[in-house]
Amino acid sequence: MRAMLPATVNDLVDTVTTRIKAGLAAHRADLRTRTHGVAAFDPPSVPHEVIPVVTADGARLRVHAYGPVDAPVIVFAHGWTCSIEYWNAQINAFAGEYRVIAYDQRGHGESTNGYARPSTDLLADDLCDVLDAALLPGQRAVLVGHSMGGMTLIAWAGRYPERVAEQAAAVLLTNTGAHSLVEVSTMVPGLNKPLRLLRGRALPSPDWLGKLILGTPVVFPPIAPVRWIFARQVMTLDTTPEKLSYALSVVRGCPMMTRSRYGLLLAALHLGDAATNFTVPTTVLAGDRDDMTPAIHAERLAELLSKAGTLAKFAVLPTGHLGNVERYDLFNRELREVLAAVREPARASA
């Protein structure tokens, strides 16, 4: 159709399209960098370096490095619909003492999509590229993954088991799972929970409904009903307005087609027992009111890791799905325990 239009009309269409895309990108960037009345969530005051990473299929990943170059390294992998800014409460807490690396998963934040179809192997490859670019030869990092970020770490361990001991000193998985997300999620009221009418049995969530919920490209306007639903289904109803505003802004900063593409990927997620390839101490955290990845996912991971002999700790925090936001104080304390356990052997060997 466009080939039949005059060149001037094509040029006009291209110009308008480019301006719309630029305007949307600027709006999303503004959402990610707003302040919300809590210093922990403010954009980091510590300056950052940009680490250039281009994947084999042409995706350009936004990778930031904060803190001293020669300090112990923490690498953060965010979850579905989020970005580097999701980790502000951790970057602000740790970047002075540690070398903090955070990156946008492809299609999220300011990272581009590349040409390959979304897959867990692709996310594992991206993490591989980030680690290769960010770590010095022989350097190992504490790897931290939330939700889809935790799934990325598990996929990486399954795809590159030989790299785990080479590049990871320890692992922290929070609010995540390895399979059966739709079958276990309790986001839809009345599904996947024991019901009195069914004598304690659960009404399972149909696969098509999970794909519909996770894969539909929707807009999140900051209106009262949307805020309530987000608090109820993703966080908890007793979360503070500041935490809700911050989290919703980060999620609204994700392009809706990215939300759809990776939502469908998560609906079909199956990583099996790849977590057993974590040959380093691994901590697993869950939220007691997490409806997106209920604590049973963390329990299954903890059981696998315990059998493999690498479970360092399993804990359930009083949160919904966004544990490191809702109770960033408790989450940061857990992360400090992981970091301290890594540093003690290093000091002893020195």
Protein backbone atom coordinates (compact mmCIF):
# COMPACT_ATOMS: atom_id res chain seq x y z
CA MET A 1 0.00 0.00 0.00
CA ARG A 2 2.73 2.46 0.97
CA ALA A 3 4.55 1.79 -2.31
CA MET A 4 1.56 3.30 -4.16
CA LEU A 5 1.64 6.55 -2.15
CA PRO A 6 3.51 9.65 -3.31
CA ALA A 7 6.99 10.05 -1.84
CA THR A 8 5.89 13.14 0.07
CA VAL A 9 3.13 11.18 1.82
CA ASN A 10 5.55 8.38 2.68
CA ASP A 11 7.97 10.93 4.08
CA LEU A 12 5.18 12.47 6.15
CA VAL A 13 4.17 9.05 7.52
CA ASP A 14 7.79 8.29 8.40
CA THR A 15 8.21 11.65 10.11
CA VAL A 16 5.03 11.29 12.16
CA THR A 17 5.89 7.70 13.11
CA THR A 18 9.40 8.69 14.18
CA ARG A 19 8.09 11.55 16.30
CA ILE A 20 5.49 9.34 17.96
CA LYS A 21 8.11 6.71 18.79
CA ALA A 22 10.47 9.37 20.14
CA GLY A 23 7.69 10.87 22.24
CA LEU A 24 6.73 7.50 23.71
CA ALA A 25 10.38 6.70 24.47
CA ALA A 26 10.81 10.04 26.23
CA HIS A 27 7.62 9.46 28.23
CA ARG A 28 8.76 6.01 29.30
CA ALA A 29 12.17 7.37 30.31
CA ASP A 30 10.45 10.06 32.37
CA LEU A 31 8.35 7.44 34.15
CA ARG A 32 11.46 5.45 35.07
CA THR A 33 13.35 8.44 36.48
CA ARG A 34 10.68 10.17 38.58
CA THR A 35 11.02 10.65 42.33
CA HIS A 36 8.37 9.34 44.71
CA GLY A 37 9.09 10.76 48.14
CA VAL A 38 11.33 7.90 49.31
CA ALA A 39 15.06 8.50 48.97
CA ALA A 40 15.79 4.81 48.41
CA PHE A 41 13.80 4.89 45.16
CA ASP A 42 15.40 8.06 43.78
CA PRO A 43 17.69 7.78 40.75
CA PRO A 44 21.16 6.81 42.02
CA SER A 45 23.36 9.73 43.02
CA VAL A 46 26.46 7.63 42.39
CA PRO A 47 27.72 8.22 38.83
CA HIS A 48 27.58 5.28 36.47
CA GLU A 49 29.58 3.97 33.55
CA VAL A 50 27.91 2.67 30.42
CA ILE A 51 29.17 -0.75 29.34
CA PRO A 52 28.45 -1.29 25.64
CA VAL A 53 26.91 -4.69 24.87
CA VAL A 54 25.63 -5.75 21.44
CA THR A 55 24.28 -9.29 21.11
CA ALA A 56 24.79 -11.70 18.21
CA ASP A 57 21.33 -10.86 16.81
CA GLY A 58 21.88 -7.11 17.03
CA ALA A 59 20.16 -6.21 20.31
CA ARG A 60 21.80 -3.29 22.10
CA LEU A 61 21.62 -3.81 25.85
CA ARG A 62 21.73 -0.92 28.29
CA VAL A 63 24.25 -1.90 30.96
CA HIS A 64 25.24 0.40 33.83
CA ALA A 65 28.11 -0.03 36.27
CA TYR A 66 28.16 1.83 39.60
CA GLY A 67 30.83 2.00 42.28
CA PRO A 68 34.56 1.24 42.48
CA VAL A 69 36.06 -0.80 39.66
CA ASP A 70 38.11 -2.94 42.04
CA ALA A 71 35.28 -3.68 44.51
CA PRO A 72 33.40 -7.00 44.82
CA VAL A 73 30.73 -7.24 42.11
CA ILE A 74 26.94 -7.61 42.30
CA VAL A 75 24.97 -8.19 39.09
CA PHE A 76 21.22 -7.48 39.10
CA ALA A 77 18.80 -9.00 36.56
CA HIS A 78 15.33 -7.46 36.68
CA GLY A 79 12.00 -9.09 35.97
CA TRP A 80 9.21 -8.88 33.44
CA THR A 81 8.20 -5.31 32.43
CA CYS A 82 10.90 -3.69 34.58
CA SER A 83 14.29 -2.02 33.96
CA ILE A 84 17.52 -0.99 35.68
CA GLU A 85 15.54 1.54 37.72
CA TYR A 86 13.67 -1.29 39.43
CA TRP A 87 16.84 -1.86 41.48
CA ASN A 88 17.25 1.74 42.72
CA ALA A 89 16.83 0.76 46.38
CA GLN A 90 19.65 -1.75 45.99
CA ILE A 91 21.92 0.41 43.81
CA ASN A 92 21.62 3.27 46.31
CA ALA A 93 22.39 0.94 49.22
CA PHE A 94 25.35 -0.98 47.78
CA ALA A 95 27.05 1.07 45.06
CA GLY A 96 29.39 2.85 47.47
CA GLU A 97 30.98 -0.35 48.76
CA TYR A 98 30.46 -2.68 45.82
CA ARG A 99 30.73 -2.65 42.04
CA VAL A 100 27.07 -2.82 41.03
CA ILE A 101 26.13 -3.95 37.53
CA ALA A 102 22.53 -3.64 36.36
CA TYR A 103 21.12 -4.05 32.87
CA ASP A 104 17.88 -3.78 30.94
CA GLN A 105 16.67 -7.12 29.62
CA ARG A 106 16.21 -6.98 25.85
CA GLY A 107 13.13 -5.01 24.80
CA HIS A 108 12.86 -3.51 28.29
CA GLY A 109 13.98 -0.06 29.40
CA GLU A 110 16.35 1.25 26.74
CA SER A 111 17.54 -2.12 25.45
CA THR A 112 16.45 -3.00 21.93
CA ASN A 113 14.85 -6.27 20.84
CA GLY A 114 17.26 -7.63 18.28
CA TYR A 115 16.02 -10.04 15.62
CA ALA A 116 15.71 -13.34 17.47
CA ARG A 117 12.41 -14.56 18.93
CA PRO A 118 12.11 -14.33 22.72
CA SER A 119 13.25 -17.46 24.52
CA THR A 120 14.87 -18.38 27.80
CA ASP A 121 17.98 -19.42 25.87
CA LEU A 122 18.12 -15.90 24.44
CA LEU A 123 17.88 -14.34 27.91
CA ALA A 124 20.64 -16.69 29.09
CA ASP A 125 22.80 -15.62 26.15
CA ASP A 126 22.21 -11.96 27.01
CA LEU A 127 23.32 -12.52 30.59
CA CYS A 128 26.39 -14.29 29.24
CA ASP A 129 27.22 -11.23 27.13
CA VAL A 130 26.70 -8.88 30.08
CA LEU A 131 28.95 -10.92 32.38
CA ASP A 132 31.67 -11.18 29.73
CA ALA A 133 31.58 -7.41 29.22
CA ALA A 134 31.31 -6.40 32.89
CA LEU A 135 33.61 -8.82 34.72
CA LEU A 136 37.39 -8.72 34.70
CA PRO A 137 39.22 -11.96 33.86
CA GLY A 138 38.91 -14.33 36.81
CA GLN A 139 36.37 -12.10 38.57
CA ARG A 140 33.21 -13.59 40.05
CA ALA A 141 30.01 -11.79 40.98
CA VAL A 142 27.07 -12.28 43.29
CA LEU A 143 24.17 -12.74 40.86
CA VAL A 144 20.75 -11.45 41.91
CA GLY A 145 17.59 -12.13 39.92
CA HIS A 146 13.98 -11.08 40.52
CA SER A 147 11.07 -12.87 38.83
CA MET A 148 12.00 -13.17 35.12
CA GLY A 149 15.50 -12.10 36.15
CA GLY A 150 15.71 -15.13 38.43
CA MET A 151 14.44 -17.28 35.57
CA THR A 152 17.20 -15.76 33.42
CA LEU A 153 19.79 -16.86 35.97
CA ILE A 154 18.34 -20.36 36.08
CA ALA A 155 18.27 -20.55 32.28
CA TRP A 156 21.90 -19.36 32.19
CA ALA A 157 22.94 -22.07 34.65
CA GLY A 158 21.14 -24.66 32.54
CA ARG A 159 22.65 -23.47 29.27
CA TYR A 160 26.15 -22.64 30.51
CA PRO A 161 26.82 -24.87 33.54
CA GLU A 162 30.59 -24.54 33.12
CA ARG A 163 30.35 -20.77 33.62
CA VAL A 164 28.61 -20.91 36.99
CA ALA A 165 31.73 -21.60 39.06
CA GLU A 166 33.80 -19.33 36.81
CA GLN A 167 31.62 -16.21 37.00
CA ALA A 168 29.34 -16.60 40.03
CA ALA A 169 30.44 -16.37 43.66
CA ALA A 170 26.88 -16.79 44.96
CA VAL A 171 23.30 -16.47 43.72
CA LEU A 172 20.17 -14.86 45.17
CA LEU A 173 16.82 -15.73 43.60
CA THR A 174 13.77 -13.76 44.70
CA ASN A 175 10.08 -14.06 43.82
CA THR A 176 10.72 -16.45 40.97
CA GLY A 177 10.08 -19.96 39.69
CA ALA A 178 11.24 -22.47 37.11
CA HIS A 179 8.00 -23.76 35.57
CA SER A 180 4.19 -24.00 35.83
CA LEU A 181 3.62 -20.27 36.36
CA VAL A 182 0.05 -20.28 35.06
CA GLU A 183 -0.83 -23.51 36.86
CA VAL A 184 0.25 -22.11 40.24
CA SER A 185 -0.38 -18.35 40.02
CA THR A 186 -3.15 -17.07 42.29
CA MET A 187 -3.58 -13.70 40.56
CA VAL A 188 -7.08 -14.52 39.34
CA PRO A 189 -9.48 -14.63 42.32
CA GLY A 190 -10.96 -18.10 42.83
CA LEU A 191 -8.39 -19.96 40.75
CA ASN A 192 -5.55 -22.20 41.98
CA LYS A 193 -6.65 -21.75 45.60
CA PRO A 194 -8.52 -24.23 47.81
CA LEU A 195 -12.26 -23.47 47.75
CA ARG A 196 -14.90 -24.41 50.32
CA LEU A 197 -17.43 -25.09 47.55
CA LEU A 198 -15.05 -27.70 46.15
CA ARG A 199 -14.32 -29.19 49.59
CA GLY A 200 -10.85 -27.72 49.71
CA ARG A 201 -9.94 -28.54 46.15
CA ALA A 202 -8.62 -25.84 43.81
CA LEU A 203 -10.16 -24.74 40.54
CA PRO A 204 -7.21 -24.76 38.12
CA SER A 205 -6.41 -21.78 35.94
CA PRO A 206 -6.84 -22.74 32.27
CA ASP A 207 -3.81 -22.33 30.04
CA TRP A 208 -5.65 -20.04 27.63
CA LEU A 209 -6.53 -17.63 30.43
CA GLY A 210 -2.92 -17.40 31.59
CA LYS A 211 -1.78 -16.63 28.05
CA LEU A 212 -4.54 -14.05 27.70
CA ILE A 213 -3.61 -12.26 30.93
CA LEU A 214 0.15 -12.38 30.42
CA GLY A 215 0.18 -11.88 26.65
CA THR A 216 -2.35 -9.12 26.07
CA PRO A 217 -0.71 -5.75 25.28
CA VAL A 218 -2.45 -3.42 27.71
CA VAL A 219 -1.92 0.15 28.86
CA PHE A 220 -1.63 1.01 32.58
CA PRO A 221 -3.06 4.52 33.05
CA PRO A 222 -2.31 5.88 36.56
CA ILE A 223 -5.97 5.97 37.58
CA ALA A 224 -7.41 4.78 40.89
CA PRO A 225 -8.82 1.42 39.66
CA VAL A 226 -5.52 0.49 37.99
CA ARG A 227 -3.55 1.46 41.09
CA TRP A 228 -5.84 -0.68 43.25
CA ILE A 229 -5.60 -3.69 40.93
CA PHE A 230 -1.81 -3.36 40.73
CA ALA A 231 -1.53 -3.17 44.52
CA ARG A 232 -3.91 -6.11 45.00
CA GLN A 233 -2.51 -8.42 42.34
CA VAL A 234 1.20 -7.52 42.20
CA MET A 235 2.04 -6.01 45.59
CA THR A 236 -0.26 -5.95 48.64
CA LEU A 237 -3.15 -3.70 49.59
CA ASP A 238 -1.24 -2.40 52.62
CA THR A 239 1.69 -1.14 50.55
CA THR A 240 2.46 2.57 50.87
CA PRO A 241 1.37 5.08 48.19
CA GLU A 242 5.03 5.94 47.56
CA LYS A 243 6.05 2.32 46.92
CA LEU A 244 3.01 1.77 44.73
CA SER A 245 3.69 4.93 42.71
CA TYR A 246 7.34 3.98 42.21
CA ALA A 247 6.65 0.39 41.16
CA LEU A 248 3.81 1.33 38.84
CA SER A 249 5.98 3.98 37.16
CA VAL A 250 8.71 1.43 36.48
CA VAL A 251 6.22 -1.04 35.00
CA ARG A 252 4.47 1.66 32.94
CA GLY A 253 7.89 2.46 31.48
CA CYS A 254 7.85 -0.88 29.62
CA PRO A 255 6.59 -0.94 25.99
CA MET A 256 3.30 -2.82 25.87
CA MET A 257 4.45 -5.11 23.05
CA THR A 258 7.46 -6.14 25.14
CA ARG A 259 5.07 -6.89 27.98
CA SER A 260 3.03 -9.07 25.63
CA ARG A 261 5.94 -10.94 23.99
CA TYR A 262 7.64 -11.85 27.24
CA GLY A 263 4.35 -12.52 28.99
CA LEU A 264 3.67 -15.27 26.47
CA LEU A 265 7.18 -16.61 27.03
CA LEU A 266 6.55 -16.81 30.77
CA ALA A 267 3.19 -18.51 30.26
CA ALA A 268 5.01 -21.42 28.61
CA LEU A 269 8.08 -21.37 30.88
CA HIS A 270 9.70 -24.71 31.65
CA LEU A 271 13.27 -24.70 32.95
CA GLY A 272 13.10 -28.13 34.56
CA ASP A 273 15.78 -28.74 37.19
CA ALA A 274 18.34 -26.35 35.65
CA ALA A 275 18.71 -24.68 39.07
CA THR A 276 20.70 -27.71 40.23
CA ASN A 277 23.54 -26.38 38.06
CA PHE A 278 24.09 -23.62 40.61
CA THR A 279 27.24 -25.05 42.14
CA VAL A 280 27.71 -21.99 44.39
CA PRO A 281 25.78 -20.99 47.55
CA THR A 282 22.27 -19.99 46.50
CA THR A 283 19.69 -18.10 48.55
CA VAL A 284 15.99 -18.31 47.67
CA LEU A 285 13.48 -15.68 48.84
CA ALA A 286 9.70 -15.66 48.46
CA GLY A 287 6.79 -13.41 49.41
CA ASP A 288 4.05 -14.74 51.66
CA ARG A 289 1.43 -12.83 49.61
CA ASP A 290 2.99 -13.18 46.18
CA ASP A 291 0.18 -14.10 43.78
CA MET A 292 2.34 -13.96 40.63
CA THR A 293 4.95 -16.47 41.79
CA PRO A 294 3.52 -17.98 44.99
CA ALA A 295 5.94 -19.30 47.60
CA ILE A 296 5.49 -22.87 46.37
CA HIS A 297 7.79 -21.97 43.45
CA ALA A 298 10.52 -20.94 45.88
CA GLU A 299 9.91 -24.06 47.96
CA ARG A 300 10.43 -26.24 44.89
CA LEU A 301 13.65 -24.40 44.02
CA ALA A 302 14.87 -24.68 47.60
CA GLU A 303 14.18 -28.43 47.57
CA LEU A 304 16.17 -28.87 44.35
CA LEU A 305 19.07 -26.82 45.68
CA SER A 306 19.01 -28.61 49.02
CA LYS A 307 19.33 -31.98 47.27
CA ALA A 308 22.18 -30.54 45.19
CA GLY A 309 23.88 -29.32 48.38
CA THR A 310 24.01 -25.64 47.38
CA LEU A 311 21.05 -24.11 49.22
CA ALA A 312 22.45 -21.39 51.47
CA LYS A 313 19.12 -20.10 52.81
CA PHE A 314 15.40 -20.14 52.13
CA ALA A 315 13.24 -17.37 53.57
CA VAL A 316 9.73 -16.01 53.10
CA LEU A 317 9.35 -12.25 53.45
CA PRO A 318 6.10 -10.42 54.31
CA THR A 319 5.55 -9.11 50.78
CA GLY A 320 3.78 -9.54 47.49
CA HIS A 321 5.66 -10.09 44.24
CA LEU A 322 7.98 -7.06 44.48
CA GLY A 323 9.87 -8.11 47.59
CA ASN A 324 12.95 -5.94 47.07
CA VAL A 325 10.70 -2.89 46.70
CA GLU A 326 7.96 -3.57 49.25
CA ARG A 327 10.43 -4.46 52.01
CA TYR A 328 13.71 -3.25 50.59
CA ASP A 329 15.08 -3.04 54.12
CA LEU A 330 14.61 -6.78 54.70
CA PHE A 331 15.72 -7.68 51.20
CA ASN A 332 18.89 -5.61 51.51
CA ARG A 333 19.62 -7.32 54.82
CA GLU A 334 19.33 -10.72 53.13
CA LEU A 335 21.62 -9.57 50.34
CA ARG A 336 24.16 -8.29 52.85
CA GLU A 337 24.22 -11.75 54.42
CA VAL A 338 24.99 -13.27 51.03
CA LEU A 339 27.73 -10.72 50.38
CA ALA A 340 29.27 -11.20 53.82
CA ALA A 341 29.37 -14.97 53.36
CA VAL A 342 31.22 -14.49 50.08
CA ARG A 343 33.70 -11.98 51.48
CA GLU A 344 34.67 -13.98 54.57
CA PRO A 345 36.33 -16.88 52.67
CA ALA A 346 38.03 -14.32 50.42
CA ARG A 347 39.51 -12.54 53.44
CA ALA A 348 40.59 -15.85 54.98
CA SER A 349 42.38 -16.93 51.80
CA ALA A 350 44.07 -13.52 51.54
